[in-house]
Amino acid sequence: MLVIGGLVAFGVMASASIVNARLLAVDRLTVDGNHQLSDGEVDAVIGGVLGESLLLVDLQQLQRRLLDSPWVASVTVRRVLPSTIAVRVVERDPIAIARLGNRLYLVDGTGIIIDEYGPQYGDFELPIVDGMAEPDSGGGSAIDPGRAQLVARFLAALGVRPELRRSVSQVDVSREGNVAILIGDDPTLLFLGDEQFVERIRTYLEIRPTLIERMDDIDFVDLRFGQSLVAKPRNARAQRQ
């Protein structure tokens, strides 16, 4: 009995020694996948684990703290023997600049607001989109996920024609299931619906010279009806569908 007790005590002491061994003290952090979230921001969250036992670091807590950043869509934190904490970040991909009131925000394709748009994001070549928000219960406004997804599909479709995407100067999705755009400095509003975006833009570009010849000041062209289209002069704005 004494022998067994001694062995148990020795096992406990040995386990404690392993946990606290200098060999397993965290002395290295690796971060991968972050671009907008700086290494410094990540280090501010996880740097406190340096010197701790690798086996005692609370990985779930570190994950939760990193997920507090609106840039982070998902994150994996793992132990790498003998003394490394490895972090893998998947960031949100902004698809547009949403106008909410008189302020602009970066949003992703699910409608998550990432950050307020400012000069620090000047390198992003993203369209300004109106109509993505709807009133919320608090009297403010929130991004509507369905409209955000419609914008994401529209921009993805234009991804195969980058020259068309660059030509789009304004996007509006305030009308249910209907993407409305302006192209370049053309004041004519185009209604594209929720599909065949590239084809409908190309149709308009092909017929624009003829429309201009027949109608001096075009308010909008509705391209949602296949081979038929509806064009209204600006003085018929009140009739817009």
C-alpha atoms as a PDB file:
ATOM      1  CA  MET A   1       0.000   0.000   0.000  1.00  0.00           C
ATOM      2  CA  LEU A   2       2.824   2.390   0.892  1.00  0.00           C
ATOM      3  CA  VAL A   3       4.560   1.493  -2.326  1.00  0.00           C
ATOM      4  CA  ILE A   4       1.429   2.246  -4.383  1.00  0.00           C
ATOM      5  CA  GLY A   5       0.959   5.542  -2.540  1.00  0.00           C
ATOM      6  CA  GLY A   6       4.543   6.465  -3.235  1.00  0.00           C
ATOM      7  CA  LEU A   7       4.139   5.699  -6.904  1.00  0.00           C
ATOM      8  CA  VAL A   8       0.987   7.867  -7.114  1.00  0.00           C
ATOM      9  CA  ALA A   9       2.762  10.746  -5.401  1.00  0.00           C
ATOM     10  CA  PHE A  10       5.712  10.356  -7.726  1.00  0.00           C
ATOM     11  CA  GLY A  11       3.349  10.350 -10.737  1.00  0.00           C
ATOM     12  CA  VAL A  12       1.697  13.590  -9.583  1.00  0.00           C
ATOM     13  CA  MET A  13       5.059  15.237  -9.037  1.00  0.00           C
ATOM     14  CA  ALA A  14       6.289  14.020 -12.404  1.00  0.00           C
ATOM     15  CA  SER A  15       3.188  15.383 -14.121  1.00  0.00           C
ATOM     16  CA  ALA A  16       3.635  18.754 -12.431  1.00  0.00           C
ATOM     17  CA  SER A  17       7.244  18.793 -13.492  1.00  0.00           C
ATOM     18  CA  ILE A  18       6.306  18.112 -17.109  1.00  0.00           C
ATOM     19  CA  VAL A  19       3.674  20.864 -17.131  1.00  0.00           C
ATOM     20  CA  ASN A  20       6.073  23.383 -15.667  1.00  0.00           C
ATOM     21  CA  ALA A  21       9.127  22.268 -17.583  1.00  0.00           C
ATOM     22  CA  ARG A  22      11.050  25.066 -19.264  1.00  0.00           C
ATOM     23  CA  LEU A  23      11.035  23.018 -22.422  1.00  0.00           C
ATOM     24  CA  LEU A  24       7.241  23.489 -22.662  1.00  0.00           C
ATOM     25  CA  ALA A  25       7.174  27.194 -21.799  1.00  0.00           C
ATOM     26  CA  VAL A  26       5.705  29.173 -24.715  1.00  0.00           C
ATOM     27  CA  ASP A  27       8.505  31.141 -26.351  1.00  0.00           C
ATOM     28  CA  ARG A  28       7.217  31.540 -29.902  1.00  0.00           C
ATOM     29  CA  LEU A  29       4.016  32.781 -31.562  1.00  0.00           C
ATOM     30  CA  THR A  30       3.271  32.314 -35.271  1.00  0.00           C
ATOM     31  CA  VAL A  31       0.480  34.142 -37.087  1.00  0.00           C
ATOM     32  CA  ASP A  32      -0.738  33.307 -40.578  1.00  0.00           C
ATOM     33  CA  GLY A  33      -3.544  34.609 -42.815  1.00  0.00           C
ATOM     34  CA  ASN A  34      -3.860  38.109 -41.384  1.00  0.00           C
ATOM     35  CA  HIS A  35      -3.647  41.106 -43.681  1.00  0.00           C
ATOM     36  CA  GLN A  36      -5.894  43.831 -42.295  1.00  0.00           C
ATOM     37  CA  LEU A  37      -5.453  42.567 -38.731  1.00  0.00           C
ATOM     38  CA  SER A  38      -1.857  43.469 -37.932  1.00  0.00           C
ATOM     39  CA  ASP A  39       0.635  41.198 -36.205  1.00  0.00           C
ATOM     40  CA  GLY A  40       0.708  43.762 -33.414  1.00  0.00           C
ATOM     41  CA  GLU A  41      -3.047  43.468 -32.856  1.00  0.00           C
ATOM     42  CA  VAL A  42      -2.774  39.700 -32.725  1.00  0.00           C
ATOM     43  CA  ASP A  43       0.204  39.910 -30.384  1.00  0.00           C
ATOM     44  CA  ALA A  44      -1.758  42.222 -28.078  1.00  0.00           C
ATOM     45  CA  VAL A  45      -4.324  39.434 -27.680  1.00  0.00           C
ATOM     46  CA  ILE A  46      -2.077  36.392 -27.380  1.00  0.00           C
ATOM     47  CA  GLY A  47       1.281  37.839 -26.341  1.00  0.00           C
ATOM     48  CA  GLY A  48       0.417  37.357 -22.697  1.00  0.00           C
ATOM     49  CA  VAL A  49       0.860  33.609 -23.001  1.00  0.00           C
ATOM     50  CA  LEU A  50       4.623  33.888 -23.526  1.00  0.00           C
ATOM     51  CA  GLY A  51       6.343  32.067 -20.694  1.00  0.00           C
ATOM     52  CA  GLU A  52       3.261  30.051 -19.779  1.00  0.00           C
ATOM     53  CA  SER A  53       3.209  26.290 -20.001  1.00  0.00           C
ATOM     54  CA  LEU A  54       2.134  25.242 -23.464  1.00  0.00           C
ATOM     55  CA  LEU A  55      -0.132  22.610 -21.910  1.00  0.00           C
ATOM     56  CA  LEU A  56      -1.989  25.128 -19.756  1.00  0.00           C
ATOM     57  CA  VAL A  57      -2.757  27.798 -22.373  1.00  0.00           C
ATOM     58  CA  ASP A  58      -6.522  28.256 -22.827  1.00  0.00           C
ATOM     59  CA  LEU A  59      -6.848  28.024 -26.611  1.00  0.00           C
ATOM     60  CA  GLN A  60     -10.611  28.640 -26.654  1.00  0.00           C
ATOM     61  CA  GLN A  61     -10.212  31.872 -24.739  1.00  0.00           C
ATOM     62  CA  LEU A  62      -7.617  33.093 -27.235  1.00  0.00           C
ATOM     63  CA  GLN A  63      -9.950  32.212 -30.111  1.00  0.00           C
ATOM     64  CA  ARG A  64     -12.828  34.130 -28.540  1.00  0.00           C
ATOM     65  CA  ARG A  65     -10.669  37.199 -28.012  1.00  0.00           C
ATOM     66  CA  LEU A  66      -9.429  37.176 -31.598  1.00  0.00           C
ATOM     67  CA  LEU A  67     -12.983  36.762 -32.904  1.00  0.00           C
ATOM     68  CA  ASP A  68     -13.865  40.055 -31.204  1.00  0.00           C
ATOM     69  CA  SER A  69     -12.208  41.780 -34.155  1.00  0.00           C
ATOM     70  CA  PRO A  70     -14.788  42.462 -36.909  1.00  0.00           C
ATOM     71  CA  TRP A  71     -12.112  41.626 -39.476  1.00  0.00           C
ATOM     72  CA  VAL A  72     -11.865  38.027 -38.258  1.00  0.00           C
ATOM     73  CA  ALA A  73     -14.313  35.557 -39.807  1.00  0.00           C
ATOM     74  CA  SER A  74     -12.721  32.504 -38.185  1.00  0.00           C
ATOM     75  CA  VAL A  75      -9.539  31.630 -36.359  1.00  0.00           C
ATOM     76  CA  THR A  76      -7.668  28.494 -35.342  1.00  0.00           C
ATOM     77  CA  VAL A  77      -5.267  28.469 -32.402  1.00  0.00           C
ATOM     78  CA  ARG A  78      -3.184  25.355 -31.746  1.00  0.00           C
ATOM     79  CA  ARG A  79      -0.218  24.097 -29.790  1.00  0.00           C
ATOM     80  CA  VAL A  80       2.931  23.077 -31.637  1.00  0.00           C
ATOM     81  CA  LEU A  81       5.422  21.179 -29.526  1.00  0.00           C
ATOM     82  CA  PRO A  82       7.630  21.957 -27.860  1.00  0.00           C
ATOM     83  CA  SER A  83       6.881  25.655 -27.235  1.00  0.00           C
ATOM     84  CA  THR A  84       4.869  27.365 -30.001  1.00  0.00           C
ATOM     85  CA  ILE A  85       1.345  28.780 -30.238  1.00  0.00           C
ATOM     86  CA  ALA A  86       0.256  28.859 -33.908  1.00  0.00           C
ATOM     87  CA  VAL A  87      -2.583  31.129 -35.025  1.00  0.00           C
ATOM     88  CA  ARG A  88      -4.359  30.843 -38.376  1.00  0.00           C
ATOM     89  CA  VAL A  89      -6.713  33.725 -39.213  1.00  0.00           C
ATOM     90  CA  VAL A  90      -9.368  33.855 -41.935  1.00  0.00           C
ATOM     91  CA  GLU A  91     -10.375  37.463 -42.501  1.00  0.00           C
ATOM     92  CA  ARG A  92     -13.617  38.832 -43.846  1.00  0.00           C
ATOM     93  CA  ASP A  93     -13.551  39.947 -47.454  1.00  0.00           C
ATOM     94  CA  PRO A  94     -15.147  43.374 -47.963  1.00  0.00           C
ATOM     95  CA  ILE A  95     -17.240  43.490 -51.139  1.00  0.00           C
ATOM     96  CA  ALA A  96     -18.645  47.005 -51.024  1.00  0.00           C
ATOM     97  CA  ILE A  97     -18.819  50.330 -49.258  1.00  0.00           C
ATOM     98  CA  ALA A  98     -22.329  50.649 -47.852  1.00  0.00           C
ATOM     99  CA  ARG A  99     -23.829  54.079 -47.326  1.00  0.00           C
ATOM    100  CA  LEU A 100     -25.805  54.265 -44.079  1.00  0.00           C
ATOM    101  CA  GLY A 101     -27.154  57.758 -43.613  1.00  0.00           C
ATOM    102  CA  ASN A 102     -24.222  60.064 -44.197  1.00  0.00           C
ATOM    103  CA  ARG A 103     -21.569  57.527 -43.233  1.00  0.00           C
ATOM    104  CA  LEU A 104     -19.778  54.825 -45.206  1.00  0.00           C
ATOM    105  CA  TYR A 105     -18.922  51.314 -44.021  1.00  0.00           C
ATOM    106  CA  LEU A 106     -17.007  48.329 -45.344  1.00  0.00           C
ATOM    107  CA  VAL A 107     -19.302  45.291 -45.511  1.00  0.00           C
ATOM    108  CA  ASP A 108     -18.797  41.664 -46.488  1.00  0.00           C
ATOM    109  CA  GLY A 109     -21.020  39.439 -48.598  1.00  0.00           C
ATOM    110  CA  THR A 110     -23.099  38.289 -45.619  1.00  0.00           C
ATOM    111  CA  GLY A 111     -23.931  41.830 -44.520  1.00  0.00           C
ATOM    112  CA  ILE A 112     -21.434  42.067 -41.659  1.00  0.00           C
ATOM    113  CA  ILE A 113     -20.150  45.598 -41.097  1.00  0.00           C
ATOM    114  CA  ILE A 114     -16.382  45.324 -40.846  1.00  0.00           C
ATOM    115  CA  ASP A 115     -15.359  48.891 -40.166  1.00  0.00           C
ATOM    116  CA  GLU A 116     -16.212  52.480 -40.976  1.00  0.00           C
ATOM    117  CA  TYR A 117     -14.710  53.411 -44.314  1.00  0.00           C
ATOM    118  CA  GLY A 118     -11.900  55.953 -44.176  1.00  0.00           C
ATOM    119  CA  PRO A 119      -8.634  56.996 -45.816  1.00  0.00           C
ATOM    120  CA  GLN A 120      -6.853  53.940 -44.417  1.00  0.00           C
ATOM    121  CA  TYR A 121      -8.907  51.817 -46.810  1.00  0.00           C
ATOM    122  CA  GLY A 122      -8.244  53.913 -49.893  1.00  0.00           C
ATOM    123  CA  ASP A 123      -6.538  50.970 -51.618  1.00  0.00           C
ATOM    124  CA  PHE A 124      -9.829  49.068 -51.788  1.00  0.00           C
ATOM    125  CA  GLU A 125     -11.448  49.495 -55.200  1.00  0.00           C
ATOM    126  CA  LEU A 126     -15.026  48.936 -54.070  1.00  0.00           C
ATOM    127  CA  PRO A 127     -18.308  50.462 -55.254  1.00  0.00           C
ATOM    128  CA  ILE A 128     -20.431  52.627 -52.992  1.00  0.00           C
ATOM    129  CA  VAL A 129     -23.777  50.882 -52.545  1.00  0.00           C
ATOM    130  CA  ASP A 130     -27.019  52.505 -51.441  1.00  0.00           C
ATOM    131  CA  GLY A 131     -30.066  50.699 -50.152  1.00  0.00           C
ATOM    132  CA  MET A 132     -28.365  47.863 -48.285  1.00  0.00           C
ATOM    133  CA  ALA A 133     -29.825  48.875 -44.939  1.00  0.00           C
ATOM    134  CA  GLU A 134     -33.266  48.470 -43.438  1.00  0.00           C
ATOM    135  CA  PRO A 135     -34.682  49.967 -40.215  1.00  0.00           C
ATOM    136  CA  ASP A 136     -34.017  47.915 -37.091  1.00  0.00           C
ATOM    137  CA  SER A 137     -36.000  47.561 -33.870  1.00  0.00           C
ATOM    138  CA  GLY A 138     -33.842  50.152 -32.131  1.00  0.00           C
ATOM    139  CA  GLY A 139     -34.822  52.913 -34.514  1.00  0.00           C
ATOM    140  CA  GLY A 140     -31.518  52.759 -36.388  1.00  0.00           C
ATOM    141  CA  SER A 141     -30.599  50.738 -39.448  1.00  0.00           C
ATOM    142  CA  ALA A 142     -28.829  47.473 -40.151  1.00  0.00           C
ATOM    143  CA  ILE A 143     -27.481  45.794 -43.263  1.00  0.00           C
ATOM    144  CA  ASP A 144     -30.049  43.455 -44.792  1.00  0.00           C
ATOM    145  CA  PRO A 145     -28.326  40.087 -45.430  1.00  0.00           C
ATOM    146  CA  GLY A 146     -30.440  39.373 -48.513  1.00  0.00           C
ATOM    147  CA  ARG A 147     -29.462  42.648 -50.136  1.00  0.00           C
ATOM    148  CA  ALA A 148     -25.834  42.107 -49.205  1.00  0.00           C
ATOM    149  CA  GLN A 149     -25.929  38.696 -50.886  1.00  0.00           C
ATOM    150  CA  LEU A 150     -27.533  40.254 -53.983  1.00  0.00           C
ATOM    151  CA  VAL A 151     -24.689  42.771 -54.162  1.00  0.00           C
ATOM    152  CA  ALA A 152     -22.156  39.954 -53.722  1.00  0.00           C
ATOM    153  CA  ARG A 153     -23.704  37.973 -56.603  1.00  0.00           C
ATOM    154  CA  PHE A 154     -23.764  41.050 -58.814  1.00  0.00           C
ATOM    155  CA  LEU A 155     -20.105  41.880 -58.185  1.00  0.00           C
ATOM    156  CA  ALA A 156     -19.050  38.247 -58.566  1.00  0.00           C
ATOM    157  CA  ALA A 157     -20.797  38.119 -61.939  1.00  0.00           C
ATOM    158  CA  LEU A 158     -18.947  41.236 -63.043  1.00  0.00           C
ATOM    159  CA  GLY A 159     -15.684  39.667 -61.890  1.00  0.00           C
ATOM    160  CA  VAL A 160     -15.392  37.922 -65.246  1.00  0.00           C
ATOM    161  CA  ARG A 161     -15.586  41.300 -66.975  1.00  0.00           C
ATOM    162  CA  PRO A 162     -13.304  43.587 -64.940  1.00  0.00           C
ATOM    163  CA  GLU A 163     -13.734  46.447 -67.416  1.00  0.00           C
ATOM    164  CA  LEU A 164     -17.477  46.423 -66.737  1.00  0.00           C
ATOM    165  CA  ARG A 165     -16.943  46.278 -62.984  1.00  0.00           C
ATOM    166  CA  ARG A 166     -14.623  49.283 -63.140  1.00  0.00           C
ATOM    167  CA  SER A 167     -17.193  51.203 -65.166  1.00  0.00           C
ATOM    168  CA  VAL A 168     -19.915  50.864 -62.507  1.00  0.00           C
ATOM    169  CA  SER A 169     -19.949  54.129 -60.595  1.00  0.00           C
ATOM    170  CA  GLN A 170     -22.965  53.561 -58.346  1.00  0.00           C
ATOM    171  CA  VAL A 171     -25.083  50.645 -57.130  1.00  0.00           C
ATOM    172  CA  ASP A 172     -28.501  50.765 -55.474  1.00  0.00           C
ATOM    173  CA  VAL A 173     -30.386  47.758 -54.075  1.00  0.00           C
ATOM    174  CA  SER A 174     -33.160  49.605 -52.264  1.00  0.00           C
ATOM    175  CA  ARG A 175     -35.737  48.012 -54.581  1.00  0.00           C
ATOM    176  CA  GLU A 176     -36.451  44.397 -53.620  1.00  0.00           C
ATOM    177  CA  GLY A 177     -34.579  41.954 -55.857  1.00  0.00           C
ATOM    178  CA  ASN A 178     -33.442  44.670 -58.230  1.00  0.00           C
ATOM    179  CA  VAL A 179     -29.893  45.915 -58.737  1.00  0.00           C
ATOM    180  CA  ALA A 180     -29.872  49.460 -60.121  1.00  0.00           C
ATOM    181  CA  ILE A 181     -26.608  50.946 -61.374  1.00  0.00           C
ATOM    182  CA  LEU A 182     -25.009  53.954 -63.015  1.00  0.00           C
ATOM    183  CA  ILE A 183     -22.172  53.454 -65.486  1.00  0.00           C
ATOM    184  CA  GLY A 184     -19.359  55.988 -65.608  1.00  0.00           C
ATOM    185  CA  ASP A 185     -20.691  59.520 -66.082  1.00  0.00           C
ATOM    186  CA  ASP A 186     -23.857  58.290 -67.828  1.00  0.00           C
ATOM    187  CA  PRO A 187     -26.820  59.637 -65.783  1.00  0.00           C
ATOM    188  CA  THR A 188     -29.156  56.876 -67.013  1.00  0.00           C
ATOM    189  CA  LEU A 189     -30.175  54.493 -64.236  1.00  0.00           C
ATOM    190  CA  LEU A 190     -30.154  50.838 -65.282  1.00  0.00           C
ATOM    191  CA  PHE A 191     -32.473  48.294 -63.656  1.00  0.00           C
ATOM    192  CA  LEU A 192     -30.836  44.859 -63.900  1.00  0.00           C
ATOM    193  CA  GLY A 193     -33.055  42.711 -61.666  1.00  0.00           C
ATOM    194  CA  ASP A 194     -31.366  39.826 -59.848  1.00  0.00           C
ATOM    195  CA  GLU A 195     -29.747  37.813 -62.650  1.00  0.00           C
ATOM    196  CA  GLN A 196     -28.000  38.005 -66.032  1.00  0.00           C
ATOM    197  CA  PHE A 197     -26.203  41.142 -64.932  1.00  0.00           C
ATOM    198  CA  VAL A 198     -23.408  41.087 -67.507  1.00  0.00           C
ATOM    199  CA  GLU A 199     -25.748  40.294 -70.392  1.00  0.00           C
ATOM    200  CA  ARG A 200     -28.111  43.114 -69.462  1.00  0.00           C
ATOM    201  CA  ILE A 201     -25.336  45.678 -69.136  1.00  0.00           C
ATOM    202  CA  ARG A 202     -23.965  44.633 -72.513  1.00  0.00           C
ATOM    203  CA  THR A 203     -27.441  44.948 -74.038  1.00  0.00           C
ATOM    204  CA  TYR A 204     -27.700  48.505 -72.770  1.00  0.00           C
ATOM    205  CA  LEU A 205     -24.251  49.457 -74.047  1.00  0.00           C
ATOM    206  CA  GLU A 206     -25.145  48.088 -77.486  1.00  0.00           C
ATOM    207  CA  ILE A 207     -28.432  50.000 -77.759  1.00  0.00           C
ATOM    208  CA  ARG A 208     -27.363  53.188 -75.986  1.00  0.00           C
ATOM    209  CA  PRO A 209     -26.460  55.101 -79.189  1.00  0.00           C
ATOM    210  CA  THR A 210     -29.903  54.331 -80.622  1.00  0.00           C
ATOM    211  CA  LEU A 211     -31.664  55.334 -77.407  1.00  0.00           C
ATOM    212  CA  ILE A 212     -29.800  58.634 -77.276  1.00  0.00           C
ATOM    213  CA  GLU A 213     -30.844  59.375 -80.850  1.00  0.00           C
ATOM    214  CA  ARG A 214     -34.505  58.760 -80.044  1.00  0.00           C
ATOM    215  CA  MET A 215     -34.688  60.187 -76.524  1.00  0.00           C
ATOM    216  CA  ASP A 216     -32.785  63.269 -75.414  1.00  0.00           C
ATOM    217  CA  ASP A 217     -32.711  62.851 -71.626  1.00  0.00           C
ATOM    218  CA  ILE A 218     -33.157  59.265 -70.433  1.00  0.00           C
ATOM    219  CA  ASP A 219     -34.050  58.796 -66.799  1.00  0.00           C
ATOM    220  CA  PHE A 220     -33.891  55.001 -66.582  1.00  0.00           C
ATOM    221  CA  VAL A 221     -33.792  51.846 -68.664  1.00  0.00           C
ATOM    222  CA  ASP A 222     -35.383  48.686 -67.287  1.00  0.00           C
ATOM    223  CA  LEU A 223     -33.616  45.600 -68.647  1.00  0.00           C
ATOM    224  CA  ARG A 224     -35.403  42.947 -66.621  1.00  0.00           C
ATOM    225  CA  PHE A 225     -37.764  41.718 -69.318  1.00  0.00           C
ATOM    226  CA  GLY A 226     -35.624  39.752 -71.743  1.00  0.00           C
ATOM    227  CA  GLN A 227     -35.766  41.104 -75.294  1.00  0.00           C
ATOM    228  CA  SER A 228     -38.137  43.866 -74.231  1.00  0.00           C
ATOM    229  CA  LEU A 229     -36.918  46.916 -72.367  1.00  0.00           C
ATOM    230  CA  VAL A 230     -38.547  49.969 -70.898  1.00  0.00           C
ATOM    231  CA  ALA A 231     -36.937  53.380 -71.272  1.00  0.00           C
ATOM    232  CA  LYS A 232     -38.350  56.533 -69.698  1.00  0.00           C
ATOM    233  CA  PRO A 233     -37.334  60.147 -70.202  1.00  0.00           C
ATOM    234  CA  ARG A 234     -36.344  62.109 -67.140  1.00  0.00           C
ATOM    235  CA  ASN A 235     -39.638  63.969 -66.970  1.00  0.00           C
ATOM    236  CA  ALA A 236     -41.303  60.590 -66.392  1.00  0.00           C
ATOM    237  CA  ARG A 237     -39.361  59.908 -63.165  1.00  0.00           C
ATOM    238  CA  ALA A 238     -42.579  59.623 -61.176  1.00  0.00           C
ATOM    239  CA  GLN A 239     -43.562  56.615 -63.305  1.00  0.00           C
ATOM    240  CA  ARG A 240     -40.417  54.631 -62.370  1.00  0.00           C
ATOM    241  CA  GLN A 241     -41.138  51.041 -61.362  1.00  0.00           C
END
